[in-house]
Amino acid sequence: MLESAYNDTMDKTLIVLLGPTAVGKTKYSLLLAKKLKTEIVIADSRQVYKHLDIGTAKPTKEELKAVKHHLIDIVGPDEKFNLAIYQNMAFKAIKDIFKNSNYAIMVGGTGLYIDAVCKAYDLPEHEDTSVIKERLLKELQSHGLSHLYEQLLEKDPKSAEKIHHNDRIRIVRALEVLEASNKPISSFKTISPHPLNCQIIKIGFTLDREKLYDRINFRVNSMIKEGLLKECNELLSLGLKKNITEKGIIGYNEIFDYLDNKLTLVEATELLKKNTRNYAKRQLTWFRRDKTINWIDLDKYKNDEEILKNMLVAAGL
């Protein structure tokens, strides 16, 4: 049965396509955007950064030409960026799309970004919190992730329940927000009425786990062939290694360790595959909590045409 966040009498619809990394979100978002003659808003915490192309599996130049994309390559890895900034930019991009279309498509695998928009979190626009974050990262390095997670359990147990104990980025972010605002991130209320005033439909893609892992392994091998090492060397020459390392962006720290002679290329590649598989697990854990997602099991369909038809049905079209 179709599930939506809003009354279906609203004339504008945001269709959110989500799922684990490598499941095929980019391909299906392009198919749907072309069918509906609309544009795409990216909900990916890695693809917002300039210079990080191969390692974040950004859409190709041809794909970006075929359909207009928003919130991709919008900030440098060394620039201030946070959830509140993303949310404000996403609201604006979606409203701009609605000026010319009844539909907008959001696609990505960053659950927090998707929730910030769909649930309209009332997020404070903090001043630069880089000093706080730097201190937390030093604590992480000296005392370990379990030390930070214990702090979160003590100070914000509601958030800790929703964050995996190995999710370094979200643990640090939750503690950062807590210290900057003196409010736990779990206490943020939603904006009412919703700024978008539209119907929101979420469609999730799932795939047999072994097939998904095969896709992840294939993608990582392709990234190496397509020039991920060269991309990392260019990032080093731009002096961006520290910024990327602090953000813990999968796809780069592993290769940096190879370039620093800490790992062989085979070891770095296998570690990257493992880290990406673990990331996919965390994504699925996050999304499975959301009962408003209409899931499409890709194993059940013979071809992309059938999948597109099912997406349209899920969107009530």
Protein backbone atom coordinates (compact mmCIF):
# COMPACT_ATOMS: atom_id res chain seq x y z
CA MET A 1 0.00 0.00 0.00
CA LEU A 2 1.26 3.48 -0.88
CA GLU A 3 2.63 5.36 2.10
CA SER A 4 3.15 9.09 2.05
CA ALA A 5 4.18 11.74 4.55
CA TYR A 6 1.47 14.13 3.39
CA ASN A 7 -2.08 14.40 2.15
CA ASP A 8 -2.40 13.21 -1.45
CA THR A 9 -4.47 16.25 -2.40
CA MET A 10 -1.29 18.33 -2.57
CA ASP A 11 -0.34 19.11 -6.16
CA LYS A 12 3.45 18.87 -5.74
CA THR A 13 5.29 15.62 -5.00
CA LEU A 14 8.82 14.95 -3.82
CA ILE A 15 9.85 11.41 -4.74
CA VAL A 16 12.77 10.18 -2.65
CA LEU A 17 14.83 7.30 -4.07
CA LEU A 18 17.07 5.71 -1.47
CA GLY A 19 18.96 2.55 -0.62
CA PRO A 20 22.46 1.19 0.05
CA THR A 21 25.49 2.19 -1.96
CA ALA A 22 25.92 0.43 -5.34
CA VAL A 23 22.29 -0.76 -5.48
CA GLY A 24 21.64 1.32 -8.62
CA LYS A 25 20.04 4.53 -7.34
CA THR A 26 21.71 6.76 -9.94
CA LYS A 27 20.47 4.69 -12.88
CA TYR A 28 16.89 4.50 -11.62
CA SER A 29 16.76 8.17 -10.66
CA LEU A 30 17.76 9.09 -14.22
CA LEU A 31 15.07 6.81 -15.68
CA LEU A 32 12.40 8.37 -13.45
CA ALA A 33 13.57 11.96 -13.96
CA LYS A 34 13.47 11.57 -17.74
CA LYS A 35 10.01 9.99 -17.56
CA LEU A 36 8.63 12.80 -15.37
CA LYS A 37 10.67 15.52 -17.13
CA THR A 38 12.05 16.84 -13.87
CA GLU A 39 15.34 17.36 -11.99
CA ILE A 40 17.29 15.57 -9.26
CA VAL A 41 18.45 16.72 -5.82
CA ILE A 42 21.40 14.75 -4.44
CA ALA A 43 21.21 13.52 -0.83
CA ASP A 44 24.76 12.24 -0.41
CA SER A 45 27.12 13.56 2.26
CA ARG A 46 30.16 12.75 0.09
CA GLN A 47 29.01 13.94 -3.33
CA VAL A 48 28.48 17.49 -2.07
CA TYR A 49 32.29 17.90 -2.09
CA LYS A 50 34.26 19.15 -5.06
CA HIS A 51 37.26 17.12 -6.30
CA LEU A 52 35.87 13.86 -4.83
CA ASP A 53 34.55 12.24 -8.00
CA ILE A 54 35.67 8.67 -8.54
CA GLY A 55 35.76 7.66 -4.88
CA THR A 56 32.22 8.90 -4.26
CA ALA A 57 30.78 7.34 -7.44
CA LYS A 58 29.33 10.63 -8.67
CA PRO A 59 27.13 10.56 -11.78
CA THR A 60 29.17 10.76 -14.97
CA LYS A 61 29.44 13.94 -17.06
CA GLU A 62 27.02 12.38 -19.55
CA GLU A 63 24.49 11.62 -16.80
CA LEU A 64 24.77 15.14 -15.40
CA LYS A 65 24.13 16.53 -18.89
CA ALA A 66 21.11 14.26 -19.42
CA VAL A 67 19.31 15.45 -16.25
CA LYS A 68 20.00 18.54 -14.16
CA HIS A 69 21.35 17.68 -10.70
CA HIS A 70 21.34 19.91 -7.62
CA LEU A 71 23.60 19.84 -4.53
CA ILE A 72 26.51 18.08 -6.15
CA ASP A 73 30.01 19.67 -6.13
CA ILE A 74 28.79 22.59 -4.02
CA VAL A 75 31.54 22.93 -1.40
CA GLY A 76 35.26 22.26 -1.02
CA PRO A 77 36.45 19.61 1.46
CA ASP A 78 38.19 22.43 3.35
CA GLU A 79 35.05 24.60 3.64
CA LYS A 80 32.42 24.76 6.37
CA PHE A 81 29.44 22.53 5.70
CA ASN A 82 26.86 20.95 7.99
CA LEU A 83 23.41 19.42 8.07
CA ALA A 84 21.60 22.75 8.49
CA ILE A 85 23.36 24.22 5.45
CA TYR A 86 22.44 21.16 3.40
CA GLN A 87 18.82 21.30 4.54
CA ASN A 88 18.42 24.96 3.59
CA MET A 89 19.97 24.39 0.17
CA ALA A 90 17.80 21.32 -0.42
CA PHE A 91 14.60 23.17 0.46
CA LYS A 92 15.54 25.93 -2.00
CA ALA A 93 16.48 23.50 -4.78
CA ILE A 94 13.23 21.54 -4.44
CA LYS A 95 11.13 24.72 -4.40
CA ASP A 96 12.93 25.88 -7.56
CA ILE A 97 12.15 22.58 -9.29
CA PHE A 98 8.49 22.87 -8.25
CA LYS A 99 8.26 26.17 -10.15
CA ASN A 100 8.42 24.23 -13.42
CA SER A 101 7.29 20.74 -12.47
CA ASN A 102 4.83 18.96 -10.20
CA TYR A 103 7.57 16.48 -9.32
CA ALA A 104 11.05 16.67 -7.83
CA ILE A 105 13.33 13.70 -7.23
CA MET A 106 15.71 13.37 -4.31
CA VAL A 107 18.23 10.53 -4.54
CA GLY A 108 20.91 9.33 -2.17
CA GLY A 109 22.01 7.07 0.59
CA THR A 110 22.63 9.53 3.43
CA GLY A 111 19.71 8.89 5.75
CA LEU A 112 20.37 11.93 7.92
CA TYR A 113 20.23 14.27 4.92
CA ILE A 114 16.99 12.67 3.72
CA ASP A 115 15.40 12.89 7.16
CA ALA A 116 16.47 16.51 7.60
CA VAL A 117 14.45 17.38 4.49
CA CYS A 118 11.53 14.95 4.72
CA LYS A 119 10.98 15.37 8.46
CA ALA A 120 11.94 19.06 8.34
CA TYR A 121 14.17 19.08 11.41
CA ASP A 122 14.39 22.49 13.05
CA LEU A 123 18.17 22.69 12.95
CA PRO A 124 20.17 25.54 14.49
CA GLU A 125 22.62 27.22 12.13
CA HIS A 126 25.74 26.90 14.27
CA GLU A 127 28.77 29.08 14.00
CA ASP A 128 31.93 27.32 12.91
CA THR A 129 32.32 24.26 15.15
CA SER A 130 35.63 23.11 13.68
CA VAL A 131 37.45 23.62 17.01
CA ILE A 132 34.99 21.33 18.79
CA LYS A 133 35.20 18.76 16.03
CA GLU A 134 39.00 18.83 15.99
CA ARG A 135 39.08 18.18 19.75
CA LEU A 136 36.62 15.29 19.41
CA LEU A 137 38.71 13.77 16.64
CA LYS A 138 41.81 13.99 18.83
CA GLU A 139 39.87 12.21 21.59
CA LEU A 140 38.88 9.59 19.03
CA GLN A 141 42.49 9.06 18.05
CA SER A 142 43.80 8.85 21.60
CA HIS A 143 40.94 7.06 23.39
CA GLY A 144 39.05 5.21 20.64
CA LEU A 145 35.51 5.31 19.26
CA SER A 146 34.02 3.41 22.21
CA HIS A 147 35.08 6.29 24.48
CA LEU A 148 33.09 8.79 22.38
CA TYR A 149 30.12 6.45 22.11
CA GLU A 150 30.03 6.11 25.91
CA GLN A 151 29.92 9.91 26.15
CA LEU A 152 26.98 9.95 23.76
CA LEU A 153 25.18 7.22 25.72
CA GLU A 154 25.56 9.31 28.86
CA LYS A 155 24.69 12.73 27.41
CA ASP A 156 22.17 11.86 24.68
CA PRO A 157 20.90 8.28 25.09
CA LYS A 158 18.05 8.77 22.60
CA SER A 159 20.48 9.60 19.81
CA ALA A 160 22.85 6.83 20.91
CA GLU A 161 20.05 4.29 20.49
CA LYS A 162 19.68 5.29 16.84
CA ILE A 163 23.39 5.47 16.00
CA HIS A 164 25.47 2.35 15.47
CA HIS A 165 28.37 2.11 17.92
CA ASN A 166 30.80 1.92 14.96
CA ASP A 167 29.34 4.91 13.07
CA ARG A 168 32.23 7.29 13.64
CA ILE A 169 30.86 10.21 11.62
CA ARG A 170 27.43 10.35 13.27
CA ILE A 171 28.81 9.84 16.80
CA VAL A 172 31.22 12.75 16.38
CA ARG A 173 28.47 14.85 14.75
CA ALA A 174 26.02 14.19 17.59
CA LEU A 175 28.58 15.18 20.23
CA GLU A 176 29.59 18.22 18.17
CA VAL A 177 25.96 19.43 17.95
CA LEU A 178 25.40 18.77 21.64
CA GLU A 179 28.37 20.89 22.69
CA ALA A 180 27.71 23.67 20.18
CA SER A 181 24.00 24.08 20.92
CA ASN A 182 23.80 22.71 24.47
CA LYS A 183 20.92 20.61 23.11
CA PRO A 184 20.97 16.92 22.16
CA ILE A 185 20.44 16.34 18.44
CA SER A 186 17.55 14.03 19.38
CA SER A 187 15.68 17.01 20.88
CA PHE A 188 15.38 18.96 17.63
CA LYS A 189 11.74 19.36 16.69
CA THR A 190 10.28 19.49 13.21
CA ILE A 191 9.35 22.68 11.42
CA SER A 192 5.59 23.09 11.19
CA PRO A 193 4.07 23.54 8.71
CA HIS A 194 6.55 21.70 6.50
CA PRO A 195 8.47 24.26 4.36
CA LEU A 196 7.85 22.31 1.16
CA ASN A 197 4.08 21.87 1.55
CA CYS A 198 4.13 18.83 -0.73
CA GLN A 199 3.40 15.15 -0.78
CA ILE A 200 6.51 13.08 0.01
CA ILE A 201 6.87 9.53 -1.28
CA LYS A 202 9.90 7.39 -0.42
CA ILE A 203 10.97 4.49 -2.62
CA GLY A 204 13.76 2.22 -1.43
CA PHE A 205 15.76 -0.27 -3.49
CA THR A 206 16.87 -3.58 -2.08
CA LEU A 207 18.83 -6.47 -3.53
CA ASP A 208 20.03 -9.89 -2.43
CA ARG A 209 22.93 -9.20 -0.08
CA GLU A 210 25.47 -11.32 -1.93
CA LYS A 211 24.54 -9.63 -5.23
CA LEU A 212 24.90 -6.23 -3.56
CA TYR A 213 28.33 -7.18 -2.22
CA ASP A 214 29.35 -8.36 -5.68
CA ARG A 215 28.31 -4.97 -7.07
CA ILE A 216 30.31 -3.20 -4.36
CA ASN A 217 33.41 -5.30 -5.10
CA PHE A 218 33.02 -4.65 -8.83
CA ARG A 219 32.58 -0.92 -8.24
CA VAL A 220 35.74 -0.69 -6.13
CA ASN A 221 37.75 -2.55 -8.79
CA SER A 222 36.35 -0.16 -11.40
CA MET A 223 37.30 2.87 -9.29
CA ILE A 224 40.91 1.68 -9.17
CA LYS A 225 40.93 1.17 -12.95
CA GLU A 226 39.28 4.55 -13.59
CA GLY A 227 41.98 6.47 -11.71
CA LEU A 228 41.20 6.60 -7.99
CA LEU A 229 44.94 6.61 -7.20
CA LYS A 230 45.46 9.59 -9.50
CA GLU A 231 42.51 11.38 -7.90
CA CYS A 232 43.99 10.82 -4.42
CA ASN A 233 47.39 12.10 -5.57
CA GLU A 234 45.68 15.24 -6.91
CA LEU A 235 43.95 15.73 -3.55
CA LEU A 236 47.35 15.46 -1.85
CA SER A 237 48.77 18.11 -4.18
CA LEU A 238 45.83 20.40 -3.28
CA GLY A 239 46.62 19.96 0.42
CA LEU A 240 43.20 18.43 1.14
CA LYS A 241 44.26 15.15 2.74
CA LYS A 242 43.76 16.34 6.33
CA ASN A 243 40.26 17.66 5.56
CA ILE A 244 39.22 14.41 3.90
CA THR A 245 40.83 12.21 6.55
CA GLU A 246 38.99 14.05 9.34
CA LYS A 247 35.68 13.51 7.57
CA GLY A 248 36.35 9.78 7.34
CA ILE A 249 35.16 9.58 3.74
CA ILE A 250 35.19 5.99 2.52
CA GLY A 251 37.18 5.58 -0.65
CA TYR A 252 40.02 7.94 0.20
CA ASN A 253 41.61 7.13 3.55
CA GLU A 254 42.27 3.58 2.38
CA ILE A 255 44.12 4.82 -0.71
CA PHE A 256 45.96 7.48 1.28
CA ASP A 257 47.29 4.67 3.48
CA TYR A 258 48.56 2.91 0.35
CA LEU A 259 50.23 6.09 -0.90
CA ASP A 260 51.83 6.48 2.56
CA ASN A 261 53.20 2.92 2.26
CA LYS A 262 51.09 1.74 5.19
CA LEU A 263 49.24 -0.80 3.02
CA THR A 264 49.86 -2.60 -0.23
CA LEU A 265 47.47 -1.77 -3.07
CA VAL A 266 45.81 -5.16 -2.67
CA GLU A 267 45.33 -4.56 1.07
CA ALA A 268 43.97 -1.05 0.48
CA THR A 269 41.56 -2.31 -2.18
CA GLU A 270 40.28 -5.13 0.02
CA LEU A 271 39.90 -2.74 2.97
CA LEU A 272 37.95 -0.35 0.79
CA LYS A 273 35.61 -3.16 -0.26
CA LYS A 274 35.13 -4.20 3.36
CA ASN A 275 34.48 -0.64 4.57
CA THR A 276 32.00 -0.07 1.74
CA ARG A 277 30.14 -3.29 2.57
CA ASN A 278 29.94 -2.22 6.22
CA TYR A 279 28.67 1.20 5.13
CA ALA A 280 25.93 -0.48 3.08
CA LYS A 281 24.89 -2.46 6.18
CA ARG A 282 24.63 0.75 8.22
CA GLN A 283 22.57 2.41 5.49
CA LEU A 284 20.11 -0.48 5.45
CA THR A 285 19.87 -0.46 9.25
CA TRP A 286 18.99 3.25 9.16
CA PHE A 287 16.40 2.92 6.39
CA ARG A 288 14.72 -0.19 7.80
CA ARG A 289 13.46 1.88 10.74
CA ASP A 290 11.41 4.08 8.39
CA LYS A 291 7.99 2.51 7.86
CA THR A 292 6.99 5.07 5.20
CA ILE A 293 9.44 3.63 2.64
CA ASN A 294 7.94 1.70 -0.27
CA TRP A 295 10.53 -1.03 -0.96
CA ILE A 296 11.28 -2.37 -4.42
CA ASP A 297 13.10 -5.72 -4.45
CA LEU A 298 15.20 -5.51 -7.61
CA ASP A 299 15.57 -9.30 -7.72
CA LYS A 300 11.90 -9.62 -8.64
CA TYR A 301 12.12 -7.75 -11.94
CA LYS A 302 13.49 -8.81 -15.31
CA ASN A 303 14.59 -5.44 -16.65
CA ASP A 304 14.77 -1.69 -16.04
CA GLU A 305 11.45 -1.11 -17.79
CA GLU A 306 9.66 -3.23 -15.18
CA ILE A 307 11.48 -1.44 -12.37
CA LEU A 308 10.49 1.97 -13.78
CA LYS A 309 6.88 0.83 -14.05
CA ASN A 310 6.98 -0.28 -10.40
CA MET A 311 8.50 3.05 -9.34
CA LEU A 312 5.62 4.86 -11.02
CA VAL A 313 3.10 2.62 -9.25
CA ALA A 314 4.81 3.25 -5.90
CA ALA A 315 4.61 6.98 -6.63
CA GLY A 316 0.91 6.67 -7.36
CA LEU A 317 1.37 7.49 -11.07
